[in-house]
Amino acid sequence: MEAKSYGSLVEVYRGGLWEAELIKGLLESAGVSAMLKDETLSAVTSPYSGIGGEVLVMVNKEEEVYARKVVERRQV
């Protein structure tokens, strides 16, 4: 997956709404400021319907390397 950059924000994860919320919480507990993009569309189409759009977890470009390590090391 090729990450997209949105100005000073960088995508570090893409998935369903509930997964993105978990990743965001994981990042924030590790001291990384994170935000969700496109969460409104997913909420409207329902996270359980399977037709919702993907939600992006975004972090500041300066924290990208550390954030990717945190996401990769998460326990499934």
Protein backbone atom coordinates (compact mmCIF):
# COMPACT_ATOMS: atom_id res chain seq x y z
CA MET A 1 0.00 0.00 0.00
CA GLU A 2 1.38 3.38 -0.98
CA ALA A 3 0.81 6.02 1.69
CA LYS A 4 -0.64 9.33 0.62
CA SER A 5 0.47 12.66 2.02
CA TYR A 6 -2.00 15.45 2.83
CA GLY A 7 0.18 18.49 3.46
CA SER A 8 1.85 17.89 6.79
CA LEU A 9 -0.29 14.78 7.48
CA VAL A 10 0.60 11.26 6.35
CA GLU A 11 -1.56 8.13 6.17
CA VAL A 12 -0.25 5.32 8.41
CA TYR A 13 -3.27 3.00 8.35
CA ARG A 14 -6.37 2.36 6.22
CA GLY A 15 -9.30 0.17 7.18
CA GLY A 16 -12.79 0.00 8.61
CA LEU A 17 -14.06 2.55 11.12
CA TRP A 18 -13.71 0.38 14.22
CA GLU A 19 -10.19 -0.75 13.24
CA ALA A 20 -9.14 2.82 12.56
CA GLU A 21 -10.50 3.93 15.95
CA LEU A 22 -8.43 1.21 17.64
CA ILE A 23 -5.27 2.19 15.76
CA LYS A 24 -5.85 5.85 16.58
CA GLY A 25 -6.17 4.99 20.28
CA LEU A 26 -3.04 2.83 20.12
CA LEU A 27 -1.06 5.66 18.54
CA GLU A 28 -2.33 8.23 21.02
CA SER A 29 -1.44 5.95 23.95
CA ALA A 30 2.10 5.83 22.48
CA GLY A 31 2.25 9.64 22.44
CA VAL A 32 1.50 10.17 18.73
CA SER A 33 -1.18 12.68 17.76
CA ALA A 34 -3.50 11.02 15.26
CA MET A 35 -6.72 11.84 13.45
CA LEU A 36 -9.25 10.00 11.31
CA LYS A 37 -10.14 11.02 7.76
CA ASP A 38 -13.38 10.02 6.01
CA GLU A 39 -14.98 8.70 9.18
CA THR A 40 -18.31 10.41 8.41
CA LEU A 41 -18.88 8.41 5.23
CA SER A 42 -18.14 5.15 7.02
CA ALA A 43 -20.50 5.99 9.87
CA VAL A 44 -23.29 6.85 7.43
CA THR A 45 -22.89 3.62 5.46
CA SER A 46 -22.59 1.61 8.70
CA PRO A 47 -19.40 -0.13 9.81
CA TYR A 48 -21.30 -3.45 9.76
CA SER A 49 -22.68 -3.27 6.24
CA GLY A 50 -19.42 -4.09 4.48
CA ILE A 51 -20.03 -1.35 1.91
CA GLY A 52 -18.61 1.55 3.88
CA GLY A 53 -15.65 3.51 2.71
CA GLU A 54 -12.26 3.11 4.28
CA VAL A 55 -11.11 5.35 7.09
CA LEU A 56 -7.57 6.71 7.10
CA VAL A 57 -5.51 7.20 10.24
CA MET A 58 -3.36 10.28 9.75
CA VAL A 59 -0.35 11.53 11.72
CA ASN A 60 2.04 14.47 11.43
CA LYS A 61 4.81 13.85 8.91
CA GLU A 62 7.42 14.31 11.65
CA GLU A 63 5.95 11.35 13.58
CA GLU A 64 5.47 9.03 10.60
CA VAL A 65 8.39 6.64 11.19
CA TYR A 66 7.57 6.09 14.86
CA ALA A 67 3.83 5.80 14.12
CA ARG A 68 4.44 3.12 11.48
CA LYS A 69 6.54 1.14 13.98
CA VAL A 70 3.73 1.36 16.56
CA VAL A 71 1.15 0.18 14.00
CA GLU A 72 3.38 -2.68 12.79
CA ARG A 73 4.09 -3.90 16.34
CA ARG A 74 0.45 -4.04 17.41
CA GLN A 75 -0.85 -7.38 18.58
CA VAL A 76 -3.59 -8.89 16.44
